[in-house]
């Protein structure tokens, strides 16, 4: 039974490919579900075609910056890290950046988009809430949900500025469809927590049984 539970957990949360299938995901550190990668590719392609803007995603578990250094030094290093991401980008672009161990999230924008995107609103309302509880064993599902939520919201805001509807966006497919998709992603988060709890409880039970049998 223990093996069956663990196998179910692995089937649900090991569907990603380390190599991204989306040209709009610059890096994902093996933390984004394949279905989310596919959706991001769909949204990014339409944004590029209709808005002439490249919408990117960069996700890393640990960017190497020591959180124990002073806030001033830490922010300087974060800016340096962000600048490296932008080094090979040109034209009109927006990049959603997440460094999970550093609890860092940002939206990097080309000059033409700086007055069109409220970066703080994107991060605080659509990304951070889904990453609020840091649990290593559910990081994959929460990161997938947060990335999709933030990425889709950026696309919606950009489209609204030009009065263009994006058929691929989870927010422009109608309230029902958008809600179903978001609920699906949120379900992944809670399913991961529940399954992890079951596994831990089972492991404790077997360890107790093994100890009692000695």
N, C-alpha and C. Protein backbone atom coordinates (compact mmCIF):
# COMPACT_ATOMS: atom_id res chain seq x y z
N UNK A 1 0.84 -1.21 0.00
CA UNK A 1 0.00 0.00 0.00
C UNK A 1 0.87 1.26 0.00
N UNK A 2 1.95 1.21 0.79
CA UNK A 2 2.85 2.36 0.85
C UNK A 2 3.41 2.69 -0.52
N UNK A 3 3.83 1.65 -1.24
CA UNK A 3 4.41 1.86 -2.57
C UNK A 3 3.38 2.40 -3.54
N UNK A 4 2.13 1.96 -3.42
CA UNK A 4 1.07 2.44 -4.31
C UNK A 4 0.82 3.93 -4.09
N UNK A 5 0.83 4.36 -2.82
CA UNK A 5 0.60 5.77 -2.50
C UNK A 5 1.72 6.64 -3.06
N UNK A 6 2.95 6.19 -2.84
CA UNK A 6 4.10 6.95 -3.35
C UNK A 6 4.08 7.00 -4.87
N UNK A 7 3.71 5.91 -5.52
CA UNK A 7 3.64 5.86 -6.98
C UNK A 7 2.59 6.84 -7.49
N UNK A 8 1.44 6.93 -6.80
CA UNK A 8 0.39 7.87 -7.20
C UNK A 8 0.90 9.29 -7.10
N UNK A 9 1.62 9.58 -6.04
CA UNK A 9 2.20 10.92 -5.85
C UNK A 9 3.15 11.26 -6.99
N UNK A 10 4.00 10.33 -7.35
CA UNK A 10 4.99 10.57 -8.41
C UNK A 10 4.33 10.75 -9.76
N UNK A 11 3.26 10.00 -10.03
CA UNK A 11 2.56 10.12 -11.31
C UNK A 11 1.95 11.50 -11.47
N UNK A 12 1.36 12.01 -10.38
CA UNK A 12 0.69 13.31 -10.45
C UNK A 12 1.67 14.45 -10.60
N UNK A 13 2.82 14.36 -9.88
CA UNK A 13 3.72 15.50 -9.82
C UNK A 13 5.05 15.32 -10.53
N UNK A 14 5.14 14.40 -11.48
CA UNK A 14 6.40 14.25 -12.22
C UNK A 14 6.17 14.28 -13.71
N UNK A 15 5.22 15.11 -14.15
CA UNK A 15 4.88 15.17 -15.56
C UNK A 15 5.70 16.19 -16.34
N UNK A 16 6.57 16.93 -15.67
CA UNK A 16 7.31 17.97 -16.38
C UNK A 16 8.52 17.41 -17.11
N UNK A 17 8.95 18.18 -18.10
CA UNK A 17 10.21 17.89 -18.77
C UNK A 17 11.19 18.97 -18.38
N UNK A 18 12.41 18.59 -18.01
CA UNK A 18 13.39 19.59 -17.58
C UNK A 18 13.66 20.59 -18.69
N UNK A 19 13.71 20.13 -19.90
CA UNK A 19 13.89 21.03 -21.04
C UNK A 19 12.54 21.64 -21.39
N UNK A 20 12.45 22.96 -21.31
CA UNK A 20 11.17 23.62 -21.55
C UNK A 20 10.72 23.46 -22.99
N UNK A 21 9.42 23.27 -23.14
CA UNK A 21 8.85 23.18 -24.49
C UNK A 21 8.38 24.54 -24.97
N UNK A 22 8.57 25.57 -24.17
CA UNK A 22 8.12 26.90 -24.52
C UNK A 22 9.30 27.84 -24.75
N UNK A 23 9.31 28.55 -25.88
CA UNK A 23 10.38 29.52 -26.12
C UNK A 23 10.27 30.73 -25.20
N UNK A 24 9.17 30.83 -24.48
CA UNK A 24 8.95 31.97 -23.59
C UNK A 24 9.35 31.67 -22.15
N UNK A 25 9.80 30.45 -21.89
CA UNK A 25 10.33 30.11 -20.58
C UNK A 25 11.86 30.10 -20.69
N UNK A 26 12.49 31.14 -20.19
CA UNK A 26 13.93 31.26 -20.30
C UNK A 26 14.64 30.22 -19.45
N UNK A 27 14.04 29.92 -18.30
CA UNK A 27 14.61 28.93 -17.38
C UNK A 27 13.52 28.56 -16.37
N UNK A 28 13.47 27.27 -16.01
CA UNK A 28 12.43 26.90 -15.02
C UNK A 28 12.91 25.94 -13.95
N UNK A 29 14.16 25.52 -13.98
CA UNK A 29 14.77 24.75 -12.91
C UNK A 29 14.00 23.48 -12.55
N UNK A 30 13.24 22.94 -13.52
CA UNK A 30 12.49 21.72 -13.28
C UNK A 30 11.32 21.90 -12.34
N UNK A 31 10.77 23.12 -12.27
CA UNK A 31 9.74 23.41 -11.28
C UNK A 31 8.37 23.73 -11.87
N UNK A 32 8.22 23.57 -13.19
CA UNK A 32 6.94 23.92 -13.81
C UNK A 32 6.33 22.72 -14.52
N UNK A 33 5.09 22.43 -14.18
CA UNK A 33 4.34 21.33 -14.77
C UNK A 33 4.26 21.47 -16.29
N UNK A 34 4.33 20.35 -17.00
CA UNK A 34 4.32 20.37 -18.46
C UNK A 34 3.07 21.05 -19.02
N UNK A 35 1.93 20.82 -18.37
CA UNK A 35 0.69 21.45 -18.82
C UNK A 35 0.76 22.97 -18.72
N UNK A 36 1.41 23.46 -17.68
CA UNK A 36 1.58 24.90 -17.53
C UNK A 36 2.56 25.42 -18.58
N UNK A 37 3.61 24.68 -18.85
CA UNK A 37 4.54 25.07 -19.92
C UNK A 37 3.81 25.21 -21.25
N UNK A 38 2.93 24.27 -21.54
CA UNK A 38 2.18 24.32 -22.79
C UNK A 38 1.26 25.53 -22.84
N UNK A 39 0.61 25.84 -21.72
CA UNK A 39 -0.30 26.98 -21.67
C UNK A 39 0.46 28.29 -21.81
N UNK A 40 1.62 28.37 -21.19
CA UNK A 40 2.45 29.57 -21.30
C UNK A 40 2.91 29.77 -22.74
N UNK A 41 3.24 28.68 -23.41
CA UNK A 41 3.63 28.78 -24.82
C UNK A 41 2.47 29.31 -25.65
N UNK A 42 1.27 28.83 -25.36
CA UNK A 42 0.08 29.28 -26.10
C UNK A 42 -0.18 30.77 -25.88
N UNK A 43 -0.14 31.19 -24.62
CA UNK A 43 -0.37 32.60 -24.30
C UNK A 43 0.74 33.47 -24.90
N UNK A 44 2.00 33.06 -24.69
CA UNK A 44 3.13 33.84 -25.18
C UNK A 44 3.13 34.02 -26.68
N UNK A 45 2.73 32.97 -27.39
CA UNK A 45 2.68 33.04 -28.85
C UNK A 45 1.65 34.07 -29.31
N UNK A 46 0.49 34.07 -28.67
CA UNK A 46 -0.56 35.02 -29.07
C UNK A 46 -0.18 36.45 -28.69
N UNK A 47 0.45 36.62 -27.53
CA UNK A 47 0.90 37.95 -27.12
C UNK A 47 1.91 38.50 -28.13
N UNK A 48 2.82 37.66 -28.56
CA UNK A 48 3.83 38.10 -29.53
C UNK A 48 3.19 38.46 -30.86
N UNK A 49 2.23 37.66 -31.31
CA UNK A 49 1.59 37.90 -32.60
C UNK A 49 0.70 39.14 -32.59
N UNK A 50 -0.07 39.32 -31.52
CA UNK A 50 -1.06 40.39 -31.49
C UNK A 50 -0.56 41.69 -30.85
N UNK A 51 0.39 41.58 -29.92
CA UNK A 51 0.85 42.76 -29.20
C UNK A 51 2.29 43.13 -29.52
N UNK A 52 2.96 42.32 -30.33
CA UNK A 52 4.36 42.54 -30.68
C UNK A 52 5.23 42.70 -29.43
N UNK A 53 4.93 41.87 -28.46
CA UNK A 53 5.69 41.86 -27.21
C UNK A 53 6.05 40.43 -26.83
N UNK A 54 7.26 40.24 -26.36
CA UNK A 54 7.67 38.93 -25.88
C UNK A 54 7.47 38.87 -24.37
N UNK A 55 6.69 37.90 -23.93
CA UNK A 55 6.39 37.73 -22.51
C UNK A 55 7.11 36.48 -22.02
N UNK A 56 8.08 36.67 -21.13
CA UNK A 56 8.95 35.58 -20.71
C UNK A 56 8.74 35.21 -19.24
N UNK A 57 9.28 34.03 -18.90
CA UNK A 57 9.26 33.55 -17.53
C UNK A 57 10.64 33.02 -17.18
N UNK A 58 11.13 33.38 -16.00
CA UNK A 58 12.42 32.88 -15.51
C UNK A 58 12.23 32.45 -14.07
N UNK A 59 12.39 31.15 -13.80
CA UNK A 59 12.19 30.62 -12.45
C UNK A 59 13.41 29.82 -12.03
N UNK A 60 13.93 30.13 -10.87
CA UNK A 60 15.08 29.39 -10.34
C UNK A 60 14.83 29.13 -8.85
N UNK A 61 15.24 27.96 -8.39
CA UNK A 61 15.00 27.64 -6.98
C UNK A 61 15.93 28.45 -6.07
N UNK A 62 17.19 28.58 -6.47
CA UNK A 62 18.14 29.35 -5.67
C UNK A 62 19.08 30.08 -6.61
N UNK A 63 19.10 31.41 -6.52
CA UNK A 63 19.95 32.19 -7.43
C UNK A 63 21.34 32.44 -6.88
N UNK A 64 21.64 31.85 -5.70
CA UNK A 64 22.99 31.94 -5.14
C UNK A 64 23.24 33.14 -4.25
N UNK A 65 22.25 34.01 -4.10
CA UNK A 65 22.44 35.20 -3.27
C UNK A 65 22.18 34.87 -1.80
N UNK A 66 23.14 35.22 -0.95
CA UNK A 66 23.06 34.93 0.48
C UNK A 66 22.06 35.87 1.15
N UNK A 67 21.02 35.32 1.75
CA UNK A 67 19.99 36.14 2.39
C UNK A 67 20.46 36.74 3.72
N UNK A 68 21.63 36.35 4.19
CA UNK A 68 22.13 36.86 5.47
C UNK A 68 22.88 38.18 5.33
N UNK A 69 23.19 38.59 4.11
CA UNK A 69 23.88 39.86 3.93
C UNK A 69 22.90 41.01 4.13
N UNK A 70 23.39 42.22 4.19
CA UNK A 70 22.53 43.38 4.44
C UNK A 70 21.52 43.55 3.32
N UNK A 71 20.40 44.18 3.65
CA UNK A 71 19.34 44.37 2.65
C UNK A 71 19.83 45.17 1.45
N UNK A 72 20.64 46.17 1.71
CA UNK A 72 21.17 47.00 0.62
C UNK A 72 22.03 46.17 -0.33
N UNK A 73 22.93 45.36 0.24
CA UNK A 73 23.79 44.51 -0.59
C UNK A 73 22.97 43.45 -1.32
N UNK A 74 21.98 42.92 -0.62
CA UNK A 74 21.13 41.88 -1.22
C UNK A 74 20.36 42.42 -2.43
N UNK A 75 19.79 43.61 -2.28
CA UNK A 75 19.03 44.19 -3.39
C UNK A 75 19.94 44.53 -4.57
N UNK A 76 21.16 44.95 -4.27
CA UNK A 76 22.11 45.25 -5.34
C UNK A 76 22.43 43.98 -6.13
N UNK A 77 22.63 42.89 -5.41
CA UNK A 77 22.92 41.62 -6.08
C UNK A 77 21.71 41.12 -6.86
N UNK A 78 20.53 41.39 -6.35
CA UNK A 78 19.31 41.01 -7.07
C UNK A 78 19.21 41.77 -8.39
N UNK A 79 19.54 43.06 -8.34
CA UNK A 79 19.53 43.87 -9.57
C UNK A 79 20.55 43.36 -10.58
N UNK A 80 21.70 42.96 -10.09
CA UNK A 80 22.74 42.41 -10.96
C UNK A 80 22.27 41.09 -11.58
N UNK A 81 21.61 40.29 -10.77
CA UNK A 81 21.08 39.02 -11.25
C UNK A 81 20.04 39.26 -12.35
N UNK A 82 19.14 40.22 -12.12
CA UNK A 82 18.11 40.55 -13.11
C UNK A 82 18.72 41.05 -14.41
N UNK A 83 19.78 41.85 -14.29
CA UNK A 83 20.41 42.42 -15.49
C UNK A 83 21.01 41.32 -16.37
N UNK A 84 21.47 40.24 -15.75
CA UNK A 84 22.01 39.12 -16.52
C UNK A 84 20.91 38.43 -17.33
N UNK A 85 19.72 38.38 -16.75
CA UNK A 85 18.59 37.76 -17.45
C UNK A 85 18.24 38.57 -18.70
N UNK A 86 18.37 39.88 -18.59
CA UNK A 86 17.97 40.77 -19.69
C UNK A 86 19.05 40.96 -20.75
N UNK A 87 20.23 40.44 -20.49
CA UNK A 87 21.39 40.72 -21.34
C UNK A 87 21.15 40.43 -22.82
N UNK A 88 20.44 39.35 -23.12
CA UNK A 88 20.24 38.96 -24.51
C UNK A 88 18.84 39.28 -25.04
N UNK A 89 18.08 40.08 -24.28
CA UNK A 89 16.73 40.43 -24.71
C UNK A 89 16.70 41.81 -25.37
N UNK A 90 15.83 41.97 -26.32
CA UNK A 90 15.69 43.27 -27.00
C UNK A 90 14.24 43.46 -27.41
N UNK A 91 13.92 44.65 -27.90
CA UNK A 91 12.56 44.93 -28.33
C UNK A 91 11.64 45.12 -27.13
N UNK A 92 10.38 44.85 -27.33
CA UNK A 92 9.38 44.99 -26.27
C UNK A 92 9.25 43.67 -25.53
N UNK A 93 9.43 43.70 -24.20
CA UNK A 93 9.39 42.46 -23.44
C UNK A 93 8.95 42.69 -21.99
N UNK A 94 8.47 41.61 -21.37
CA UNK A 94 8.18 41.57 -19.94
C UNK A 94 8.65 40.20 -19.46
N UNK A 95 9.30 40.17 -18.32
CA UNK A 95 9.83 38.91 -17.78
C UNK A 95 9.37 38.75 -16.33
N UNK A 96 8.64 37.69 -16.06
CA UNK A 96 8.27 37.36 -14.69
C UNK A 96 9.41 36.53 -14.12
N UNK A 97 10.04 37.03 -13.03
CA UNK A 97 11.20 36.38 -12.44
C UNK A 97 10.88 35.90 -11.03
N UNK A 98 11.22 34.64 -10.74
CA UNK A 98 11.06 34.10 -9.40
C UNK A 98 12.36 33.43 -8.96
N UNK A 99 12.83 33.80 -7.77
CA UNK A 99 13.95 33.11 -7.12
C UNK A 99 13.39 32.61 -5.79
N UNK A 100 13.05 31.33 -5.74
CA UNK A 100 12.23 30.82 -4.65
C UNK A 100 12.91 30.83 -3.29
N UNK A 101 14.13 30.36 -3.19
CA UNK A 101 14.81 30.33 -1.89
C UNK A 101 15.06 31.73 -1.35
N UNK A 102 15.17 32.70 -2.24
CA UNK A 102 15.39 34.09 -1.82
C UNK A 102 14.07 34.84 -1.60
N UNK A 103 12.94 34.14 -1.79
CA UNK A 103 11.62 34.75 -1.64
C UNK A 103 11.51 36.01 -2.50
N UNK A 104 12.03 35.91 -3.72
CA UNK A 104 12.11 37.07 -4.60
C UNK A 104 11.25 36.87 -5.84
N UNK A 105 10.44 37.87 -6.13
CA UNK A 105 9.63 37.86 -7.35
C UNK A 105 9.62 39.27 -7.93
N UNK A 106 9.72 39.35 -9.24
CA UNK A 106 9.78 40.66 -9.89
C UNK A 106 9.27 40.55 -11.32
N UNK A 107 8.91 41.67 -11.89
CA UNK A 107 8.53 41.73 -13.30
C UNK A 107 9.46 42.74 -13.96
N UNK A 108 10.29 42.26 -14.87
CA UNK A 108 11.24 43.12 -15.58
C UNK A 108 10.62 43.57 -16.89
N UNK A 109 10.71 44.88 -17.15
CA UNK A 109 10.00 45.44 -18.31
C UNK A 109 10.92 46.25 -19.21
N UNK A 110 10.64 46.21 -20.51
CA UNK A 110 11.33 47.10 -21.45
C UNK A 110 10.76 48.51 -21.24
N UNK A 111 11.47 49.51 -21.70
CA UNK A 111 11.09 50.91 -21.45
C UNK A 111 9.67 51.22 -21.89
N UNK A 112 9.24 50.66 -23.00
CA UNK A 112 7.92 50.98 -23.53
C UNK A 112 6.77 50.43 -22.69
N UNK A 113 7.07 49.50 -21.76
CA UNK A 113 6.00 48.88 -20.96
C UNK A 113 6.01 49.32 -19.50
N UNK A 114 6.98 50.14 -19.12
CA UNK A 114 7.13 50.50 -17.71
C UNK A 114 5.92 51.22 -17.14
N UNK A 115 5.19 51.97 -17.96
CA UNK A 115 4.02 52.69 -17.47
C UNK A 115 2.71 51.93 -17.71
N UNK A 116 2.82 50.71 -18.19
CA UNK A 116 1.63 49.92 -18.50
C UNK A 116 1.39 48.76 -17.53
N UNK A 117 2.43 48.37 -16.80
CA UNK A 117 2.32 47.23 -15.90
C UNK A 117 2.60 47.66 -14.47
N UNK A 118 1.69 47.33 -13.56
CA UNK A 118 1.91 47.56 -12.14
C UNK A 118 2.59 46.32 -11.58
N UNK A 119 3.91 46.37 -11.49
CA UNK A 119 4.68 45.20 -11.08
C UNK A 119 4.31 44.72 -9.68
N UNK A 120 4.12 45.64 -8.78
CA UNK A 120 3.78 45.27 -7.40
C UNK A 120 2.45 44.53 -7.34
N UNK A 121 1.50 44.98 -8.12
CA UNK A 121 0.19 44.33 -8.11
C UNK A 121 0.28 42.90 -8.65
N UNK A 122 1.04 42.72 -9.72
CA UNK A 122 1.22 41.38 -10.29
C UNK A 122 1.83 40.44 -9.26
N UNK A 123 2.91 40.89 -8.64
CA UNK A 123 3.63 40.05 -7.69
C UNK A 123 2.82 39.78 -6.42
N UNK A 124 2.26 40.84 -5.84
CA UNK A 124 1.58 40.69 -4.55
C UNK A 124 0.20 40.06 -4.67
N UNK A 125 -0.47 40.23 -5.80
CA UNK A 125 -1.84 39.72 -5.93
C UNK A 125 -1.95 38.40 -6.68
N UNK A 126 -1.01 38.13 -7.58
CA UNK A 126 -1.16 36.95 -8.44
C UNK A 126 -0.05 35.90 -8.30
N UNK A 127 1.06 36.27 -7.67
CA UNK A 127 2.18 35.33 -7.55
C UNK A 127 2.42 34.89 -6.10
N UNK A 128 2.70 35.86 -5.24
CA UNK A 128 3.06 35.57 -3.85
C UNK A 128 2.00 34.77 -3.10
N UNK A 129 0.70 35.07 -3.25
CA UNK A 129 -0.30 34.31 -2.49
C UNK A 129 -0.21 32.79 -2.69
N UNK A 130 0.19 32.36 -3.88
CA UNK A 130 0.29 30.93 -4.15
C UNK A 130 1.62 30.34 -3.70
N UNK A 131 2.54 31.20 -3.28
CA UNK A 131 3.84 30.72 -2.81
C UNK A 131 4.04 31.02 -1.32
N UNK A 132 2.99 31.51 -0.68
CA UNK A 132 3.09 32.01 0.68
C UNK A 132 3.61 30.98 1.67
N UNK A 133 3.14 29.75 1.59
CA UNK A 133 3.60 28.72 2.52
C UNK A 133 4.69 27.91 1.85
N UNK A 134 5.92 28.06 2.32
CA UNK A 134 7.09 27.41 1.70
C UNK A 134 7.21 25.97 2.18
N UNK A 135 6.85 25.02 1.34
CA UNK A 135 6.92 23.60 1.68
C UNK A 135 7.63 22.91 0.52
N UNK A 136 8.81 22.40 0.78
CA UNK A 136 9.65 21.82 -0.27
C UNK A 136 8.90 20.76 -1.07
N UNK A 137 8.04 19.99 -0.41
CA UNK A 137 7.39 18.86 -1.06
C UNK A 137 6.20 19.26 -1.93
N UNK A 138 5.76 20.50 -1.83
CA UNK A 138 4.68 20.95 -2.71
C UNK A 138 5.15 22.11 -3.58
N UNK A 139 6.45 22.35 -3.60
CA UNK A 139 7.02 23.48 -4.33
C UNK A 139 6.68 23.41 -5.82
N UNK A 140 6.72 22.21 -6.39
CA UNK A 140 6.45 22.03 -7.82
C UNK A 140 5.06 22.52 -8.19
N UNK A 141 4.05 22.06 -7.46
CA UNK A 141 2.67 22.42 -7.78
C UNK A 141 2.40 23.90 -7.52
N UNK A 142 2.92 24.44 -6.41
CA UNK A 142 2.69 25.84 -6.10
C UNK A 142 3.39 26.77 -7.08
N UNK A 143 4.60 26.41 -7.47
CA UNK A 143 5.33 27.23 -8.43
C UNK A 143 4.62 27.24 -9.78
N UNK A 144 4.12 26.09 -10.20
CA UNK A 144 3.38 26.00 -11.46
C UNK A 144 2.17 26.92 -11.45
N UNK A 145 1.40 26.86 -10.36
CA UNK A 145 0.20 27.67 -10.25
C UNK A 145 0.53 29.16 -10.21
N UNK A 146 1.55 29.53 -9.43
CA UNK A 146 1.93 30.94 -9.30
C UNK A 146 2.43 31.51 -10.62
N UNK A 147 3.23 30.73 -11.33
CA UNK A 147 3.77 31.20 -12.62
C UNK A 147 2.66 31.43 -13.64
N UNK A 148 1.75 30.48 -13.72
CA UNK A 148 0.65 30.62 -14.67
C UNK A 148 -0.22 31.82 -14.32
N UNK A 149 -0.52 31.98 -13.03
CA UNK A 149 -1.37 33.08 -12.58
C UNK A 149 -0.74 34.43 -12.93
N UNK A 150 0.55 34.59 -12.59
CA UNK A 150 1.23 35.85 -12.85
C UNK A 150 1.42 36.12 -14.33
N UNK A 151 1.83 35.10 -15.06
CA UNK A 151 2.08 35.22 -16.50
C UNK A 151 0.80 35.62 -17.23
N UNK A 152 -0.30 34.95 -16.91
CA UNK A 152 -1.58 35.23 -17.57
C UNK A 152 -2.08 36.63 -17.25
N UNK A 153 -1.86 37.07 -16.00
CA UNK A 153 -2.32 38.41 -15.64
C UNK A 153 -1.54 39.48 -16.38
N UNK A 154 -0.23 39.29 -16.54
CA UNK A 154 0.56 40.25 -17.31
C UNK A 154 0.03 40.34 -18.74
N UNK A 155 -0.27 39.20 -19.33
CA UNK A 155 -0.78 39.19 -20.71
C UNK A 155 -2.11 39.92 -20.80
N UNK A 156 -2.96 39.72 -19.80
CA UNK A 156 -4.27 40.39 -19.80
C UNK A 156 -4.13 41.91 -19.70
N UNK A 157 -3.22 42.36 -18.82
CA UNK A 157 -3.02 43.80 -18.64
C UNK A 157 -2.50 44.43 -19.94
N UNK A 158 -1.54 43.77 -20.57
CA UNK A 158 -0.99 44.28 -21.83
C UNK A 158 -2.06 44.34 -22.91
N UNK A 159 -2.88 43.30 -22.98
CA UNK A 159 -3.94 43.25 -23.98
C UNK A 159 -4.98 44.34 -23.74
N UNK A 160 -5.31 44.59 -22.47
CA UNK A 160 -6.30 45.62 -22.13
C UNK A 160 -5.84 47.00 -22.59
N UNK A 161 -4.55 47.26 -22.51
CA UNK A 161 -4.02 48.56 -22.92
C UNK A 161 -4.24 48.81 -24.41
N UNK A 162 -4.30 47.76 -25.19
CA UNK A 162 -4.49 47.89 -26.63
C UNK A 162 -5.89 47.46 -27.05
N UNK A 163 -6.76 47.22 -26.08
CA UNK A 163 -8.13 46.80 -26.35
C UNK A 163 -8.19 45.58 -27.27
N UNK A 164 -7.32 44.63 -26.97
CA UNK A 164 -7.26 43.39 -27.75
C UNK A 164 -7.59 42.21 -26.85
N UNK A 165 -8.40 41.30 -27.34
CA UNK A 165 -8.77 40.12 -26.58
C UNK A 165 -7.83 38.97 -26.92
N UNK A 166 -7.30 38.35 -25.91
CA UNK A 166 -6.44 37.18 -26.10
C UNK A 166 -7.26 35.92 -25.85
N UNK A 167 -7.47 35.16 -26.89
CA UNK A 167 -8.27 33.94 -26.76
C UNK A 167 -7.61 32.90 -25.87
N UNK A 168 -6.29 32.94 -25.81
CA UNK A 168 -5.55 31.93 -25.04
C UNK A 168 -5.50 32.24 -23.55
N UNK A 169 -5.75 33.49 -23.17
CA UNK A 169 -5.60 33.87 -21.77
C UNK A 169 -6.65 33.21 -20.88
N UNK A 170 -6.24 32.80 -19.70
CA UNK A 170 -7.19 32.18 -18.78
C UNK A 170 -8.18 33.20 -18.25
N UNK A 171 -7.85 34.48 -18.42
CA UNK A 171 -8.77 35.51 -17.96
C UNK A 171 -9.68 36.03 -19.05
N UNK A 172 -9.47 35.63 -20.30
CA UNK A 172 -10.27 36.13 -21.40
C UNK A 172 -11.04 35.04 -22.12
N UNK A 173 -11.08 33.86 -21.51
CA UNK A 173 -11.84 32.76 -22.09
C UNK A 173 -13.25 32.70 -21.51
N UNK A 174 -13.64 33.78 -20.79
CA UNK A 174 -14.92 33.77 -20.12
C UNK A 174 -14.71 33.42 -18.66
N UNK A 175 -15.57 33.94 -17.80
CA UNK A 175 -15.38 33.73 -16.37
C UNK A 175 -15.41 32.27 -15.98
N UNK A 176 -16.28 31.51 -16.62
CA UNK A 176 -16.40 30.09 -16.26
C UNK A 176 -15.15 29.32 -16.60
N UNK A 177 -14.68 29.48 -17.84
CA UNK A 177 -13.49 28.75 -18.27
C UNK A 177 -12.28 29.15 -17.46
N UNK A 178 -12.14 30.47 -17.21
CA UNK A 178 -11.00 30.94 -16.44
C UNK A 178 -11.02 30.38 -15.03
N UNK A 179 -12.20 30.36 -14.43
CA UNK A 179 -12.32 29.85 -13.07
C UNK A 179 -12.01 28.37 -13.01
N UNK A 180 -12.49 27.61 -13.99
CA UNK A 180 -12.23 26.17 -14.03
C UNK A 180 -10.73 25.91 -14.12
N UNK A 181 -10.04 26.64 -14.99
CA UNK A 181 -8.61 26.43 -15.16
C UNK A 181 -7.85 26.77 -13.87
N UNK A 182 -8.20 27.92 -13.26
CA UNK A 182 -7.52 28.31 -12.04
C UNK A 182 -7.81 27.32 -10.92
N UNK A 183 -9.05 26.87 -10.82
CA UNK A 183 -9.39 25.90 -9.79
C UNK A 183 -8.63 24.59 -10.00
N UNK A 184 -8.42 24.23 -11.28
CA UNK A 184 -7.64 23.03 -11.58
C UNK A 184 -6.23 23.15 -11.05
N UNK A 185 -5.62 24.30 -11.27
CA UNK A 185 -4.26 24.52 -10.80
C UNK A 185 -4.20 24.57 -9.27
N UNK A 186 -5.21 25.22 -8.66
CA UNK A 186 -5.22 25.29 -7.20
C UNK A 186 -5.43 23.90 -6.61
N UNK A 187 -6.19 23.07 -7.32
CA UNK A 187 -6.43 21.70 -6.86
C UNK A 187 -5.12 20.92 -6.81
N UNK A 188 -4.23 21.16 -7.77
CA UNK A 188 -2.92 20.52 -7.76
C UNK A 188 -2.16 20.85 -6.48
N UNK A 189 -2.28 22.11 -6.07
CA UNK A 189 -1.59 22.54 -4.86
C UNK A 189 -2.10 21.76 -3.65
N UNK A 190 -3.41 21.75 -3.46
CA UNK A 190 -3.99 21.10 -2.29
C UNK A 190 -3.84 19.58 -2.36
N UNK A 191 -3.91 19.03 -3.58
CA UNK A 191 -3.73 17.58 -3.73
C UNK A 191 -2.33 17.18 -3.29
N UNK A 192 -1.35 18.01 -3.62
CA UNK A 192 0.02 17.72 -3.23
C UNK A 192 0.19 17.72 -1.73
N UNK A 193 -0.44 18.70 -1.07
CA UNK A 193 -0.36 18.78 0.39
C UNK A 193 -1.00 17.56 1.04
N UNK A 194 -2.19 17.19 0.54
CA UNK A 194 -2.91 16.05 1.10
C UNK A 194 -2.12 14.76 0.91
N UNK A 195 -1.62 14.53 -0.31
CA UNK A 195 -0.87 13.31 -0.58
C UNK A 195 0.40 13.24 0.24
N UNK A 196 1.06 14.38 0.38
CA UNK A 196 2.29 14.40 1.17
C UNK A 196 1.99 14.05 2.64
N UNK A 197 0.89 14.58 3.16
CA UNK A 197 0.49 14.29 4.53
C UNK A 197 0.23 12.80 4.72
N UNK A 198 -0.46 12.20 3.73
CA UNK A 198 -0.75 10.77 3.80
C UNK A 198 0.54 9.95 3.82
N UNK A 199 1.48 10.33 2.96
CA UNK A 199 2.76 9.62 2.88
C UNK A 199 3.50 9.70 4.21
N UNK A 200 3.56 10.89 4.79
CA UNK A 200 4.25 11.07 6.07
C UNK A 200 3.60 10.24 7.16
N UNK A 201 2.25 10.25 7.21
CA UNK A 201 1.54 9.48 8.22
C UNK A 201 1.80 7.99 8.06
N UNK A 202 1.80 7.55 6.79
CA UNK A 202 2.07 6.14 6.53
C UNK A 202 3.48 5.75 6.95
N UNK A 203 4.44 6.61 6.65
CA UNK A 203 5.83 6.33 6.99
C UNK A 203 6.01 6.24 8.51
N UNK A 204 5.35 7.15 9.24
CA UNK A 204 5.44 7.11 10.70
C UNK A 204 4.83 5.82 11.26
N UNK A 205 3.71 5.41 10.62
CA UNK A 205 3.04 4.19 11.06
C UNK A 205 3.95 2.98 10.86
N UNK A 206 4.58 2.88 9.68
CA UNK A 206 5.45 1.74 9.39
C UNK A 206 6.71 1.74 10.26
N UNK A 207 7.22 2.96 10.55
CA UNK A 207 8.39 3.04 11.41
C UNK A 207 8.05 2.58 12.82
N UNK A 208 6.84 2.96 13.28
CA UNK A 208 6.40 2.54 14.61
C UNK A 208 6.21 1.04 14.67
N UNK A 209 5.60 0.49 13.58
CA UNK A 209 5.38 -0.96 13.54
C UNK A 209 6.71 -1.70 13.54
N UNK A 210 7.68 -1.17 12.77
CA UNK A 210 8.99 -1.81 12.69
C UNK A 210 9.70 -1.75 14.03
N UNK A 211 9.56 -0.60 14.72
CA UNK A 211 10.19 -0.44 16.02
C UNK A 211 9.57 -1.37 17.05
N UNK A 212 8.24 -1.51 17.02
CA UNK A 212 7.53 -2.38 17.97
C UNK A 212 7.87 -3.84 17.73
N UNK A 213 8.22 -4.17 16.47
CA UNK A 213 8.48 -5.55 16.12
C UNK A 213 9.90 -6.00 16.49
N UNK A 214 10.73 -5.01 16.85
CA UNK A 214 12.11 -5.35 17.17
C UNK A 214 12.21 -6.06 18.54
